Amino acid sequence: MKREKKQEIERLVREGKWLKVTGSRRNVMQTDYYPIIADLLAREEVQALGNFRHHIMTTRFQHCLNVSYYNYRLCRLLRLDAVSAARAGLLHDLYHYDTACYSHSAPAIRHSHYHPMVALEAAEQLGEMNERERDMIENHMWPVTRPLPRYAESYVITVVDKYCAVIEFVLPQPARLRRWVGQKVRRFRQH
């Protein structure tokens, strides 16, 4: 992408006229996806997720937006409930505590088991949800958590959540990834 275009997009993002997901250059505000989640994006509770680091390289808000968008796209492709998938994806990590502090303060229950319950409770306070949305939020950490998801969309969100975690970590730092791969290849050749 040309430098001028990148600077223009960055300006539009700052002004709130461009919403992007990691791995895409598309302005999601100009897609059929945006009206589905616009009411949730306007909520202070969702915007506050931007104050928390997530997966080292991004914010929890950006991660939730990424999961929401890719979950919507994949469920739409599979002819599943894409609307519920978009909304649940945006709310699947709706918790407002620092995960680094959590593991030290409450070792009795792991964060991977705890945060879906907190996110579901917070999401239910934002308004009505259907059973698919509840199941997706509650079970997005499957197979780490139990019980089994009840809907196909819940299995999709588990895969999309992991996919987004990978792209959020890898895409912002391709040079670091190339160095890491190069080190692994050199070690392999030495043995």
N, C-alpha and C. Protein backbone atom coordinates (compact mmCIF):
# COMPACT_ATOMS: atom_id res chain seq x y z
N MET A 1 0.85 -1.16 0.00
CA MET A 1 0.00 0.00 0.00
C MET A 1 0.90 1.24 0.00
N LYS A 2 0.54 2.21 -0.79
CA LYS A 2 1.32 3.45 -0.87
C LYS A 2 1.25 4.20 0.46
N ARG A 3 2.33 4.88 0.75
CA ARG A 3 2.46 5.60 2.01
C ARG A 3 1.35 6.63 2.20
N GLU A 4 1.01 7.35 1.14
CA GLU A 4 -0.02 8.38 1.22
C GLU A 4 -1.38 7.78 1.56
N LYS A 5 -1.69 6.65 0.93
CA LYS A 5 -2.97 5.98 1.19
C LYS A 5 -3.02 5.50 2.64
N LYS A 6 -1.91 4.94 3.12
CA LYS A 6 -1.85 4.45 4.50
C LYS A 6 -2.05 5.61 5.49
N GLN A 7 -1.44 6.75 5.23
CA GLN A 7 -1.61 7.91 6.09
C GLN A 7 -3.05 8.42 6.07
N GLU A 8 -3.68 8.39 4.90
CA GLU A 8 -5.08 8.81 4.78
C GLU A 8 -5.99 7.89 5.59
N ILE A 9 -5.75 6.58 5.51
CA ILE A 9 -6.56 5.63 6.28
C ILE A 9 -6.35 5.86 7.77
N GLU A 10 -5.11 6.06 8.20
CA GLU A 10 -4.83 6.32 9.62
C GLU A 10 -5.57 7.57 10.10
N ARG A 11 -5.63 8.61 9.28
CA ARG A 11 -6.36 9.83 9.63
C ARG A 11 -7.85 9.54 9.78
N LEU A 12 -8.41 8.80 8.83
CA LEU A 12 -9.84 8.47 8.87
C LEU A 12 -10.17 7.59 10.08
N VAL A 13 -9.26 6.70 10.45
CA VAL A 13 -9.46 5.87 11.64
C VAL A 13 -9.54 6.77 12.87
N ARG A 14 -8.59 7.71 12.99
CA ARG A 14 -8.58 8.65 14.13
C ARG A 14 -9.87 9.47 14.19
N GLU A 15 -10.41 9.83 13.05
CA GLU A 15 -11.62 10.65 12.99
C GLU A 15 -12.90 9.82 13.15
N GLY A 16 -12.77 8.50 13.25
CA GLY A 16 -13.93 7.65 13.40
C GLY A 16 -14.71 7.41 12.13
N LYS A 17 -14.06 7.58 10.97
CA LYS A 17 -14.72 7.39 9.68
C LYS A 17 -14.27 6.10 9.00
N TRP A 18 -13.38 5.38 9.62
CA TRP A 18 -12.86 4.15 9.03
C TRP A 18 -12.67 3.15 10.16
N LEU A 19 -13.18 1.97 9.98
CA LEU A 19 -13.04 0.92 10.98
C LEU A 19 -12.40 -0.26 10.27
N LYS A 20 -11.25 -0.69 10.78
CA LYS A 20 -10.54 -1.77 10.10
C LYS A 20 -10.36 -2.97 11.01
N VAL A 21 -10.23 -4.12 10.37
CA VAL A 21 -9.92 -5.35 11.09
C VAL A 21 -8.52 -5.78 10.67
N THR A 22 -7.83 -6.46 11.56
CA THR A 22 -6.49 -6.93 11.28
C THR A 22 -6.53 -7.90 10.11
N GLY A 23 -5.64 -7.69 9.16
CA GLY A 23 -5.56 -8.57 8.01
C GLY A 23 -6.40 -8.14 6.82
N SER A 24 -7.09 -7.00 6.94
CA SER A 24 -7.93 -6.52 5.85
C SER A 24 -7.71 -5.02 5.66
N ARG A 25 -7.82 -4.56 4.43
CA ARG A 25 -7.70 -3.13 4.15
C ARG A 25 -9.07 -2.49 3.96
N ARG A 26 -10.10 -3.28 4.09
CA ARG A 26 -11.47 -2.83 3.86
C ARG A 26 -11.97 -1.98 5.03
N ASN A 27 -12.73 -0.95 4.71
CA ASN A 27 -13.41 -0.16 5.73
C ASN A 27 -14.71 -0.89 6.05
N VAL A 28 -14.77 -1.54 7.21
CA VAL A 28 -15.95 -2.34 7.53
C VAL A 28 -17.18 -1.48 7.78
N MET A 29 -16.99 -0.16 7.92
CA MET A 29 -18.14 0.72 8.06
C MET A 29 -18.93 0.81 6.76
N GLN A 30 -18.33 0.38 5.66
CA GLN A 30 -18.98 0.44 4.36
C GLN A 30 -19.39 -0.96 3.88
N THR A 31 -19.67 -1.85 4.80
CA THR A 31 -20.08 -3.21 4.44
C THR A 31 -21.44 -3.51 5.07
N ASP A 32 -22.03 -4.63 4.68
CA ASP A 32 -23.31 -5.04 5.26
C ASP A 32 -23.14 -5.54 6.70
N TYR A 33 -21.92 -5.76 7.12
CA TYR A 33 -21.62 -6.20 8.49
C TYR A 33 -21.85 -5.08 9.51
N TYR A 34 -21.45 -3.88 9.17
CA TYR A 34 -21.44 -2.77 10.13
C TYR A 34 -22.80 -2.48 10.79
N PRO A 35 -23.90 -2.39 10.06
CA PRO A 35 -25.18 -2.10 10.73
C PRO A 35 -25.58 -3.14 11.78
N ILE A 36 -25.08 -4.35 11.65
CA ILE A 36 -25.42 -5.43 12.59
C ILE A 36 -24.83 -5.16 13.98
N ILE A 37 -23.66 -4.54 14.01
CA ILE A 37 -22.95 -4.37 15.28
C ILE A 37 -22.82 -2.90 15.69
N ALA A 38 -23.32 -1.98 14.90
CA ALA A 38 -23.16 -0.54 15.17
C ALA A 38 -23.69 -0.14 16.54
N ASP A 39 -24.83 -0.69 16.94
CA ASP A 39 -25.39 -0.34 18.25
C ASP A 39 -24.48 -0.80 19.39
N LEU A 40 -23.86 -1.96 19.23
CA LEU A 40 -22.94 -2.46 20.26
C LEU A 40 -21.65 -1.65 20.28
N LEU A 41 -21.16 -1.27 19.10
CA LEU A 41 -19.94 -0.47 19.03
C LEU A 41 -20.10 0.87 19.74
N ALA A 42 -21.30 1.40 19.75
CA ALA A 42 -21.55 2.69 20.38
C ALA A 42 -21.57 2.61 21.91
N ARG A 43 -21.66 1.41 22.45
CA ARG A 43 -21.74 1.24 23.90
C ARG A 43 -20.40 1.50 24.57
N GLU A 44 -20.46 2.22 25.66
CA GLU A 44 -19.26 2.56 26.43
C GLU A 44 -18.52 1.31 26.91
N GLU A 45 -19.27 0.29 27.29
CA GLU A 45 -18.67 -0.96 27.78
C GLU A 45 -17.80 -1.63 26.72
N VAL A 46 -18.24 -1.55 25.47
CA VAL A 46 -17.48 -2.14 24.36
C VAL A 46 -16.28 -1.26 24.03
N GLN A 47 -16.47 0.04 23.98
CA GLN A 47 -15.37 0.96 23.69
C GLN A 47 -14.27 0.87 24.74
N ALA A 48 -14.65 0.61 25.98
CA ALA A 48 -13.67 0.52 27.08
C ALA A 48 -12.69 -0.64 26.89
N LEU A 49 -13.05 -1.61 26.05
CA LEU A 49 -12.14 -2.73 25.78
C LEU A 49 -10.85 -2.25 25.12
N GLY A 50 -10.88 -1.07 24.53
CA GLY A 50 -9.69 -0.50 23.91
C GLY A 50 -8.62 -0.13 24.93
N ASN A 51 -8.94 -0.13 26.20
CA ASN A 51 -7.98 0.20 27.26
C ASN A 51 -7.17 -0.99 27.74
N PHE A 52 -7.43 -2.17 27.20
CA PHE A 52 -6.76 -3.39 27.67
C PHE A 52 -5.94 -4.03 26.56
N ARG A 53 -4.69 -4.35 26.84
CA ARG A 53 -3.86 -5.09 25.90
C ARG A 53 -4.40 -6.51 25.79
N HIS A 54 -4.22 -7.07 24.61
CA HIS A 54 -4.73 -8.43 24.39
C HIS A 54 -3.81 -9.13 23.39
N HIS A 55 -3.47 -10.35 23.67
CA HIS A 55 -2.58 -11.13 22.79
C HIS A 55 -1.31 -10.35 22.43
N ILE A 56 -0.77 -9.68 23.37
CA ILE A 56 0.51 -8.97 23.32
C ILE A 56 0.50 -7.75 22.40
N MET A 57 0.02 -7.89 21.18
CA MET A 57 0.21 -6.86 20.16
C MET A 57 -1.02 -6.02 19.85
N THR A 58 -2.15 -6.26 20.48
CA THR A 58 -3.37 -5.54 20.11
C THR A 58 -4.16 -5.17 21.36
N THR A 59 -5.34 -4.61 21.16
CA THR A 59 -6.22 -4.32 22.29
C THR A 59 -7.35 -5.34 22.29
N ARG A 60 -8.02 -5.44 23.41
CA ARG A 60 -9.15 -6.37 23.49
C ARG A 60 -10.27 -5.92 22.56
N PHE A 61 -10.45 -4.60 22.40
CA PHE A 61 -11.45 -4.09 21.46
C PHE A 61 -11.15 -4.56 20.04
N GLN A 62 -9.90 -4.38 19.61
CA GLN A 62 -9.52 -4.78 18.24
C GLN A 62 -9.69 -6.28 18.06
N HIS A 63 -9.31 -7.06 19.07
CA HIS A 63 -9.47 -8.52 18.98
C HIS A 63 -10.95 -8.88 18.83
N CYS A 64 -11.80 -8.28 19.64
CA CYS A 64 -13.24 -8.59 19.55
C CYS A 64 -13.82 -8.18 18.20
N LEU A 65 -13.39 -7.04 17.69
CA LEU A 65 -13.83 -6.60 16.37
C LEU A 65 -13.37 -7.59 15.30
N ASN A 66 -12.11 -8.03 15.39
CA ASN A 66 -11.59 -9.01 14.42
C ASN A 66 -12.40 -10.31 14.47
N VAL A 67 -12.62 -10.82 15.67
CA VAL A 67 -13.39 -12.07 15.81
C VAL A 67 -14.80 -11.88 15.28
N SER A 68 -15.41 -10.77 15.58
CA SER A 68 -16.76 -10.50 15.13
C SER A 68 -16.84 -10.50 13.60
N TYR A 69 -15.93 -9.77 12.97
CA TYR A 69 -15.96 -9.64 11.52
C TYR A 69 -15.69 -10.97 10.82
N TYR A 70 -14.63 -11.67 11.21
CA TYR A 70 -14.30 -12.93 10.55
C TYR A 70 -15.31 -14.03 10.90
N ASN A 71 -15.87 -13.98 12.09
CA ASN A 71 -16.92 -14.91 12.46
C ASN A 71 -18.16 -14.70 11.59
N TYR A 72 -18.50 -13.43 11.39
CA TYR A 72 -19.63 -13.08 10.51
C TYR A 72 -19.39 -13.60 9.10
N ARG A 73 -18.22 -13.32 8.57
CA ARG A 73 -17.91 -13.72 7.19
C ARG A 73 -17.96 -15.23 7.02
N LEU A 74 -17.35 -15.96 7.95
CA LEU A 74 -17.30 -17.42 7.83
C LEU A 74 -18.70 -18.03 8.03
N CYS A 75 -19.44 -17.56 9.00
CA CYS A 75 -20.79 -18.09 9.21
C CYS A 75 -21.70 -17.78 8.03
N ARG A 76 -21.52 -16.62 7.44
CA ARG A 76 -22.30 -16.27 6.25
C ARG A 76 -21.96 -17.21 5.09
N LEU A 77 -20.68 -17.48 4.92
CA LEU A 77 -20.23 -18.40 3.87
C LEU A 77 -20.81 -19.80 4.09
N LEU A 78 -20.88 -20.23 5.35
CA LEU A 78 -21.39 -21.55 5.69
C LEU A 78 -22.92 -21.59 5.82
N ARG A 79 -23.56 -20.45 5.57
CA ARG A 79 -25.02 -20.32 5.66
C ARG A 79 -25.55 -20.62 7.06
N LEU A 80 -24.81 -20.12 8.04
CA LEU A 80 -25.22 -20.20 9.43
C LEU A 80 -25.76 -18.85 9.85
N ASP A 81 -26.06 -18.68 11.11
CA ASP A 81 -26.62 -17.43 11.63
C ASP A 81 -25.49 -16.39 11.77
N ALA A 82 -25.23 -15.67 10.69
CA ALA A 82 -24.13 -14.72 10.64
C ALA A 82 -24.39 -13.50 11.52
N VAL A 83 -25.62 -13.10 11.68
CA VAL A 83 -25.94 -11.94 12.52
C VAL A 83 -25.60 -12.24 13.97
N SER A 84 -26.05 -13.38 14.47
CA SER A 84 -25.71 -13.77 15.84
C SER A 84 -24.21 -13.96 16.00
N ALA A 85 -23.57 -14.47 14.96
CA ALA A 85 -22.11 -14.69 15.00
C ALA A 85 -21.37 -13.36 15.11
N ALA A 86 -21.82 -12.34 14.39
CA ALA A 86 -21.17 -11.02 14.46
C ALA A 86 -21.33 -10.41 15.84
N ARG A 87 -22.52 -10.48 16.38
CA ARG A 87 -22.79 -9.87 17.68
C ARG A 87 -22.09 -10.62 18.80
N ALA A 88 -22.13 -11.93 18.78
CA ALA A 88 -21.43 -12.71 19.82
C ALA A 88 -19.92 -12.53 19.72
N GLY A 89 -19.42 -12.44 18.51
CA GLY A 89 -17.98 -12.23 18.33
C GLY A 89 -17.51 -10.93 18.95
N LEU A 90 -18.32 -9.89 18.83
CA LEU A 90 -17.94 -8.60 19.41
C LEU A 90 -17.96 -8.63 20.94
N LEU A 91 -18.80 -9.49 21.51
CA LEU A 91 -18.98 -9.53 22.96
C LEU A 91 -18.26 -10.69 23.65
N HIS A 92 -17.60 -11.55 22.88
CA HIS A 92 -17.07 -12.79 23.46
C HIS A 92 -15.99 -12.57 24.53
N ASP A 93 -15.29 -11.46 24.50
CA ASP A 93 -14.28 -11.14 25.52
C ASP A 93 -14.63 -9.84 26.24
N LEU A 94 -15.88 -9.64 26.55
CA LEU A 94 -16.35 -8.43 27.21
C LEU A 94 -16.12 -8.53 28.72
N TYR A 95 -14.89 -8.36 29.11
CA TYR A 95 -14.54 -8.31 30.53
C TYR A 95 -13.53 -7.18 30.69
N HIS A 96 -13.55 -6.55 31.86
CA HIS A 96 -12.76 -5.34 32.07
C HIS A 96 -11.77 -5.50 33.22
N TYR A 97 -10.91 -6.48 33.11
CA TYR A 97 -9.82 -6.63 34.07
C TYR A 97 -8.57 -7.02 33.30
N ASP A 98 -7.44 -6.76 33.90
CA ASP A 98 -6.15 -7.07 33.29
C ASP A 98 -5.86 -8.55 33.50
N THR A 99 -5.70 -9.28 32.43
CA THR A 99 -5.47 -10.73 32.54
C THR A 99 -4.16 -11.06 33.22
N ALA A 100 -3.16 -10.20 33.12
CA ALA A 100 -1.88 -10.45 33.79
C ALA A 100 -2.06 -10.47 35.30
N CYS A 101 -2.92 -9.62 35.81
CA CYS A 101 -3.18 -9.58 37.26
C CYS A 101 -4.10 -10.72 37.70
N TYR A 102 -4.96 -11.16 36.80
CA TYR A 102 -5.93 -12.19 37.18
C TYR A 102 -5.26 -13.47 37.66
N SER A 103 -4.29 -13.97 36.93
CA SER A 103 -3.71 -15.27 37.25
C SER A 103 -3.04 -15.27 38.62
N HIS A 104 -2.60 -14.12 39.08
CA HIS A 104 -1.95 -14.05 40.39
C HIS A 104 -2.96 -13.90 41.52
N SER A 105 -4.10 -13.31 41.22
CA SER A 105 -5.05 -13.03 42.29
C SER A 105 -6.08 -14.13 42.53
N ALA A 106 -6.33 -14.97 41.55
CA ALA A 106 -7.37 -16.00 41.71
C ALA A 106 -6.95 -17.31 41.07
N PRO A 107 -6.02 -18.01 41.68
CA PRO A 107 -5.52 -19.23 41.06
C PRO A 107 -6.49 -20.41 41.09
N ALA A 108 -7.60 -20.30 41.84
CA ALA A 108 -8.52 -21.42 41.97
C ALA A 108 -9.21 -21.76 40.64
N ILE A 109 -9.49 -20.77 39.83
CA ILE A 109 -10.12 -21.01 38.54
C ILE A 109 -9.33 -20.27 37.48
N ARG A 110 -8.95 -20.96 36.42
CA ARG A 110 -8.12 -20.37 35.38
C ARG A 110 -8.88 -19.33 34.58
N HIS A 111 -8.14 -18.35 34.11
CA HIS A 111 -8.73 -17.27 33.31
C HIS A 111 -9.49 -17.82 32.10
N SER A 112 -8.95 -18.84 31.44
CA SER A 112 -9.60 -19.41 30.25
C SER A 112 -10.97 -19.98 30.57
N HIS A 113 -11.19 -20.39 31.82
CA HIS A 113 -12.50 -20.89 32.24
C HIS A 113 -13.39 -19.78 32.78
N TYR A 114 -12.78 -18.78 33.38
CA TYR A 114 -13.51 -17.72 34.07
C TYR A 114 -14.04 -16.64 33.14
N HIS A 115 -13.22 -16.17 32.20
CA HIS A 115 -13.61 -14.99 31.42
C HIS A 115 -14.83 -15.20 30.53
N PRO A 116 -15.10 -16.39 29.99
CA PRO A 116 -16.36 -16.52 29.23
C PRO A 116 -17.60 -16.28 30.09
N MET A 117 -17.55 -16.70 31.36
CA MET A 117 -18.69 -16.46 32.25
C MET A 117 -18.87 -14.98 32.53
N VAL A 118 -17.76 -14.27 32.75
CA VAL A 118 -17.82 -12.84 33.01
C VAL A 118 -18.32 -12.10 31.76
N ALA A 119 -17.80 -12.50 30.60
CA ALA A 119 -18.22 -11.86 29.34
C ALA A 119 -19.71 -12.08 29.07
N LEU A 120 -20.19 -13.28 29.33
CA LEU A 120 -21.61 -13.56 29.11
C LEU A 120 -22.48 -12.72 30.04
N GLU A 121 -22.10 -12.62 31.29
CA GLU A 121 -22.86 -11.81 32.24
C GLU A 121 -22.87 -10.33 31.81
N ALA A 122 -21.73 -9.82 31.39
CA ALA A 122 -21.66 -8.42 30.95
C ALA A 122 -22.46 -8.21 29.67
N ALA A 123 -22.40 -9.16 28.75
CA ALA A 123 -23.13 -9.05 27.49
C ALA A 123 -24.64 -9.07 27.72
N GLU A 124 -25.09 -9.89 28.64
CA GLU A 124 -26.52 -9.96 28.93
C GLU A 124 -27.05 -8.64 29.51
N GLN A 125 -26.19 -7.87 30.15
CA GLN A 125 -26.60 -6.58 30.71
C GLN A 125 -26.74 -5.51 29.63
N LEU A 126 -26.18 -5.76 28.44
CA LEU A 126 -26.29 -4.79 27.34
C LEU A 126 -27.62 -4.87 26.61
N GLY A 127 -28.33 -5.97 26.77
CA GLY A 127 -29.61 -6.12 26.09
C GLY A 127 -29.93 -7.57 25.82
N GLU A 128 -31.00 -7.78 25.09
CA GLU A 128 -31.45 -9.14 24.78
C GLU A 128 -30.45 -9.87 23.91
N MET A 129 -30.34 -11.16 24.18
CA MET A 129 -29.48 -12.04 23.39
C MET A 129 -30.26 -13.32 23.12
N ASN A 130 -29.95 -13.95 21.99
CA ASN A 130 -30.58 -15.24 21.73
C ASN A 130 -29.69 -16.37 22.25
N GLU A 131 -30.20 -17.58 22.21
CA GLU A 131 -29.47 -18.73 22.76
C GLU A 131 -28.17 -19.01 22.01
N ARG A 132 -28.14 -18.80 20.70
CA ARG A 132 -26.90 -19.00 19.93
C ARG A 132 -25.81 -18.04 20.40
N GLU A 133 -26.17 -16.79 20.58
CA GLU A 133 -25.21 -15.79 21.04
C GLU A 133 -24.66 -16.17 22.42
N ARG A 134 -25.55 -16.57 23.31
CA ARG A 134 -25.12 -17.00 24.65
C ARG A 134 -24.16 -18.19 24.56
N ASP A 135 -24.52 -19.16 23.74
CA ASP A 135 -23.69 -20.36 23.61
C ASP A 135 -22.33 -20.03 23.02
N MET A 136 -22.29 -19.14 22.04
CA MET A 136 -21.01 -18.76 21.42
C MET A 136 -20.10 -18.07 22.43
N ILE A 137 -20.64 -17.16 23.22
CA ILE A 137 -19.83 -16.46 24.21
C ILE A 137 -19.37 -17.42 25.30
N GLU A 138 -20.29 -18.22 25.80
CA GLU A 138 -19.97 -19.13 26.90
C GLU A 138 -18.98 -20.21 26.50
N ASN A 139 -19.01 -20.64 25.24
CA ASN A 139 -18.19 -21.78 24.82
C ASN A 139 -17.08 -21.43 23.83
N HIS A 140 -16.73 -20.15 23.69
CA HIS A 140 -15.72 -19.80 22.70
C HIS A 140 -14.33 -20.34 23.05
N MET A 141 -14.13 -20.79 24.26
CA MET A 141 -12.83 -21.36 24.66
C MET A 141 -12.82 -22.89 24.55
N TRP A 142 -13.87 -23.48 24.01
CA TRP A 142 -13.91 -24.93 23.85
C TRP A 142 -12.74 -25.34 22.95
N PRO A 143 -12.03 -26.41 23.18
CA PRO A 143 -12.30 -27.52 24.09
C PRO A 143 -11.71 -27.36 25.49
N VAL A 144 -11.14 -26.21 25.80
CA VAL A 144 -10.60 -25.98 27.14
C VAL A 144 -11.71 -26.00 28.18
N THR A 145 -12.87 -25.46 27.80
CA THR A 145 -13.99 -25.41 28.73
C THR A 145 -15.03 -26.46 28.36
N ARG A 146 -15.90 -26.73 29.28
CA ARG A 146 -17.01 -27.66 29.09
C ARG A 146 -18.29 -26.90 29.39
N PRO A 147 -19.42 -27.29 28.95
CA PRO A 147 -19.78 -28.45 28.16
C PRO A 147 -19.53 -28.22 26.67
N LEU A 148 -19.91 -29.19 25.87
CA LEU A 148 -19.79 -29.04 24.42
C LEU A 148 -20.69 -27.92 23.92
N PRO A 149 -20.25 -27.17 22.94
CA PRO A 149 -21.13 -26.17 22.33
C PRO A 149 -22.36 -26.84 21.71
N ARG A 150 -23.46 -26.12 21.69
CA ARG A 150 -24.72 -26.69 21.17
C ARG A 150 -24.99 -26.32 19.72
N TYR A 151 -24.31 -25.31 19.19
CA TYR A 151 -24.61 -24.82 17.85
C TYR A 151 -23.36 -24.82 16.98
N ALA A 152 -23.57 -24.96 15.70
CA ALA A 152 -22.45 -24.93 14.75
C ALA A 152 -21.69 -23.62 14.85
N GLU A 153 -22.40 -22.52 15.05
CA GLU A 153 -21.77 -21.20 15.15
C GLU A 153 -20.79 -21.15 16.33
N SER A 154 -21.07 -21.91 17.37
CA SER A 154 -20.18 -21.93 18.53
C SER A 154 -18.86 -22.61 18.21
N TYR A 155 -18.90 -23.61 17.38
CA TYR A 155 -17.66 -24.26 16.95
C TYR A 155 -16.87 -23.32 16.03
N VAL A 156 -17.59 -22.59 15.19
CA VAL A 156 -16.93 -21.65 14.29
C VAL A 156 -16.19 -20.58 15.08
N ILE A 157 -16.83 -20.02 16.11
CA ILE A 157 -16.19 -18.95 16.87
C ILE A 157 -14.93 -19.44 17.58
N THR A 158 -14.90 -20.70 17.98
CA THR A 158 -13.69 -21.21 18.64
C THR A 158 -12.51 -21.20 17.67
N VAL A 159 -12.76 -21.55 16.43
CA VAL A 159 -11.71 -21.55 15.41
C VAL A 159 -11.32 -20.11 15.04
N VAL A 160 -12.31 -19.27 14.84
CA VAL A 160 -12.06 -17.88 14.45
C VAL A 160 -11.28 -17.14 15.55
N ASP A 161 -11.63 -17.39 16.80
CA ASP A 161 -10.93 -16.75 17.92
C ASP A 161 -9.44 -17.09 17.90
N LYS A 162 -9.12 -18.35 17.65
CA LYS A 162 -7.71 -18.77 17.61
C LYS A 162 -7.02 -18.20 16.37
N TYR A 163 -7.71 -18.19 15.24
CA TYR A 163 -7.17 -17.61 14.00
C TYR A 163 -6.83 -16.14 14.21
N CYS A 164 -7.75 -15.40 14.82
CA CYS A 164 -7.51 -13.97 15.04
C CYS A 164 -6.35 -13.74 16.00
N ALA A 165 -6.23 -14.57 17.02
CA ALA A 165 -5.09 -14.43 17.94
C ALA A 165 -3.77 -14.57 17.18
N VAL A 166 -3.72 -15.50 16.25
CA VAL A 166 -2.50 -15.70 15.46
C VAL A 166 -2.23 -14.51 14.55
N ILE A 167 -3.23 -14.05 13.80
CA ILE A 167 -2.96 -12.93 12.88
C ILE A 167 -2.65 -11.65 13.64
N GLU A 168 -3.24 -11.46 14.80
CA GLU A 168 -2.95 -10.27 15.59
C GLU A 168 -1.51 -10.26 16.08
N PHE A 169 -0.98 -11.42 16.32
CA PHE A 169 0.40 -11.51 16.79
C PHE A 169 1.39 -11.45 15.63
N VAL A 170 1.07 -12.10 14.53
CA VAL A 170 2.02 -12.24 13.41
C VAL A 170 2.03 -11.02 12.49
N LEU A 171 0.87 -10.53 12.06
CA LEU A 171 0.84 -9.47 11.05
C LEU A 171 1.55 -8.18 11.45
N PRO A 172 1.44 -7.72 12.70
CA PRO A 172 2.13 -6.46 13.02
C PRO A 172 3.65 -6.58 13.07
N GLN A 173 4.19 -7.78 13.06
CA GLN A 173 5.63 -7.92 13.22
C GLN A 173 6.22 -8.98 12.30
N PRO A 174 6.10 -8.81 10.98
CA PRO A 174 6.62 -9.83 10.06
C PRO A 174 8.14 -10.02 10.17
N ALA A 175 8.89 -8.97 10.47
CA ALA A 175 10.35 -9.11 10.59
C ALA A 175 10.70 -10.02 11.77
N ARG A 176 10.00 -9.85 12.88
CA ARG A 176 10.24 -10.70 14.05
C ARG A 176 9.90 -12.15 13.73
N LEU A 177 8.81 -12.37 13.00
CA LEU A 177 8.43 -13.73 12.63
C LEU A 177 9.48 -14.35 11.71
N ARG A 178 9.97 -13.58 10.72
CA ARG A 178 11.00 -14.10 9.82
C ARG A 178 12.27 -14.48 10.58
N ARG A 179 12.67 -13.66 11.56
CA ARG A 179 13.85 -13.98 12.38
C ARG A 179 13.62 -15.27 13.15
N TRP A 180 12.43 -15.41 13.76
CA TRP A 180 12.12 -16.59 14.54
C TRP A 180 12.15 -17.84 13.67
N VAL A 181 11.53 -17.78 12.49
CA VAL A 181 11.53 -18.92 11.57
C VAL A 181 12.96 -19.22 11.12
N GLY A 182 13.73 -18.19 10.81
CA GLY A 182 15.12 -18.38 10.41
C GLY A 182 15.94 -19.08 11.47
N GLN A 183 15.74 -18.70 12.73
CA GLN A 183 16.45 -19.36 13.84
C GLN A 183 16.07 -20.83 13.92
N LYS A 184 14.79 -21.13 13.79
CA LYS A 184 14.34 -22.53 13.85
C LYS A 184 14.93 -23.35 12.70
N VAL A 185 14.96 -22.77 11.51
CA VAL A 185 15.51 -23.47 10.34
C VAL A 185 17.00 -23.73 10.55
N ARG A 186 17.74 -22.72 11.04
CA ARG A 186 19.19 -22.90 11.27
C ARG A 186 19.44 -23.99 12.30
N ARG A 187 18.66 -24.01 13.38
CA ARG A 187 18.82 -25.05 14.40
C ARG A 187 18.52 -26.44 13.82
N PHE A 188 17.48 -26.50 13.00
CA PHE A 188 17.11 -27.78 12.40
C PHE A 188 18.24 -28.29 11.49
N ARG A 189 18.84 -27.40 10.71
CA ARG A 189 19.92 -27.79 9.79
C ARG A 189 21.17 -28.22 10.54
N GLN A 190 21.40 -27.68 11.73
CA GLN A 190 22.57 -28.03 12.51
C GLN A 190 22.47 -29.44 13.07
N HIS A 191 21.29 -29.96 13.21
CA HIS A 191 21.11 -31.29 13.83
C HIS A 191 20.96 -32.33 12.81
